[in-house]
Amino acid sequence: MSGTQITSHGLSARKKKILFRAWHRGMREMDLLFGQFADANIADLSEDQLDTFETLLDLPDRDVLAWLTGEKSAPIEHQTDFLAMIKSFHAKKSPF
């Protein structure tokens, strides 16, 4: 399985770009973490949330993966409600 599971029809150009980038990270784990989150939420994200998502998309995969899995704490400038929202999204999906 590779890539988005939703259609990008009706999304703005910016949201389409973010959706694509979320599914094409370089690390499969990050494709799944960001991609699944984007599939479920991209249509409803505010401009501020999109800004934060783009910032996270520009960061190294290994750093963000460590923050999302709890291996490391995110630096203070990345400890945002948006990062918490991604963590919460995946915690709710987890069968454990």
Protein backbone atom coordinates (compact mmCIF):
# COMPACT_ATOMS: atom_id res chain seq x y z
CA MET A 1 0.00 0.00 0.00
CA SER A 2 1.41 3.32 -0.96
CA GLY A 3 0.06 6.82 -0.80
CA THR A 4 -3.11 8.57 0.07
CA GLN A 5 -6.37 6.76 0.47
CA ILE A 6 -8.50 9.83 -0.26
CA THR A 7 -9.12 11.94 -3.31
CA SER A 8 -7.58 15.38 -3.45
CA HIS A 9 -10.52 16.66 -5.51
CA GLY A 10 -11.83 19.86 -3.99
CA LEU A 11 -8.69 20.59 -1.97
CA SER A 12 -6.74 23.80 -2.45
CA ALA A 13 -3.41 23.58 -4.24
CA ARG A 14 -1.65 24.09 -0.91
CA LYS A 15 -3.52 21.22 0.75
CA LYS A 16 -2.86 18.94 -2.23
CA LYS A 17 0.86 19.68 -1.96
CA ILE A 18 0.90 19.01 1.79
CA LEU A 19 -1.04 15.76 1.29
CA PHE A 20 1.49 14.61 -1.32
CA ARG A 21 4.44 15.56 0.88
CA ALA A 22 2.90 13.78 3.87
CA TRP A 23 2.87 10.50 1.91
CA HIS A 24 6.33 10.94 0.34
CA ARG A 25 8.70 11.44 3.25
CA GLY A 26 11.54 9.05 2.62
CA MET A 27 10.94 6.89 5.69
CA ARG A 28 7.98 4.52 5.40
CA GLU A 29 7.15 5.05 9.09
CA MET A 30 6.81 8.78 8.52
CA ASP A 31 4.78 8.22 5.34
CA LEU A 32 2.30 6.30 7.48
CA LEU A 33 2.30 8.68 10.45
CA PHE A 34 1.98 11.89 8.46
CA GLY A 35 0.08 10.41 5.52
CA GLN A 36 -2.68 8.76 7.52
CA PHE A 37 -3.06 11.88 9.64
CA ALA A 38 -3.26 14.05 6.51
CA ASP A 39 -5.82 11.74 4.88
CA ALA A 40 -8.08 12.04 7.90
CA ASN A 41 -7.63 15.75 8.61
CA ILE A 42 -6.28 17.76 5.66
CA ALA A 43 -9.66 19.10 4.53
CA ASP A 44 -10.37 20.61 7.95
CA LEU A 45 -6.99 22.09 8.88
CA SER A 46 -6.78 25.85 9.42
CA GLU A 47 -4.18 28.05 7.75
CA ASP A 48 -2.20 28.18 11.01
CA GLN A 49 -2.29 24.38 11.27
CA LEU A 50 -1.15 24.09 7.66
CA ASP A 51 1.77 26.42 8.47
CA THR A 52 2.77 24.18 11.37
CA PHE A 53 2.36 21.02 9.27
CA GLU A 54 4.61 22.47 6.56
CA THR A 55 7.21 23.29 9.21
CA LEU A 56 7.13 19.68 10.43
CA LEU A 57 7.36 18.40 6.86
CA ASP A 58 10.60 20.35 6.44
CA LEU A 59 12.25 18.70 9.46
CA PRO A 60 14.33 15.50 9.39
CA ASP A 61 12.24 12.33 9.52
CA ARG A 62 14.25 10.74 12.32
CA ASP A 63 13.75 13.73 14.62
CA VAL A 64 10.00 13.94 14.09
CA LEU A 65 9.63 10.16 14.38
CA ALA A 66 11.39 10.25 17.75
CA TRP A 67 9.05 13.00 18.95
CA LEU A 68 5.92 11.21 17.76
CA THR A 69 6.91 7.87 19.29
CA GLY A 70 7.99 9.44 22.56
CA GLU A 71 11.59 8.33 22.15
CA LYS A 72 12.63 11.97 22.58
CA SER A 73 10.92 15.17 23.59
CA ALA A 74 10.43 17.73 20.87
CA PRO A 75 12.35 20.98 21.26
CA ILE A 76 10.23 23.66 22.87
CA GLU A 77 9.60 25.43 19.55
CA HIS A 78 7.99 22.24 18.18
CA GLN A 79 5.96 21.34 21.26
CA THR A 80 2.74 22.53 19.67
CA ASP A 81 -0.91 21.62 19.90
CA PHE A 82 -0.57 20.42 16.32
CA LEU A 83 2.15 17.89 17.19
CA ALA A 84 -0.03 16.73 20.09
CA MET A 85 -2.94 16.40 17.65
CA ILE A 86 -0.92 14.05 15.44
CA LYS A 87 0.14 11.99 18.46
CA SER A 88 -3.45 11.81 19.69
CA PHE A 89 -4.72 10.78 16.26
CA HIS A 90 -2.38 7.80 16.20
CA ALA A 91 -2.96 6.90 19.85
CA LYS A 92 -6.67 6.58 19.10
CA LYS A 93 -5.93 4.33 16.10
CA SER A 94 -3.58 2.04 18.00
CA PRO A 95 -4.98 -1.42 18.83
CA PHE A 96 -2.77 -1.55 21.95
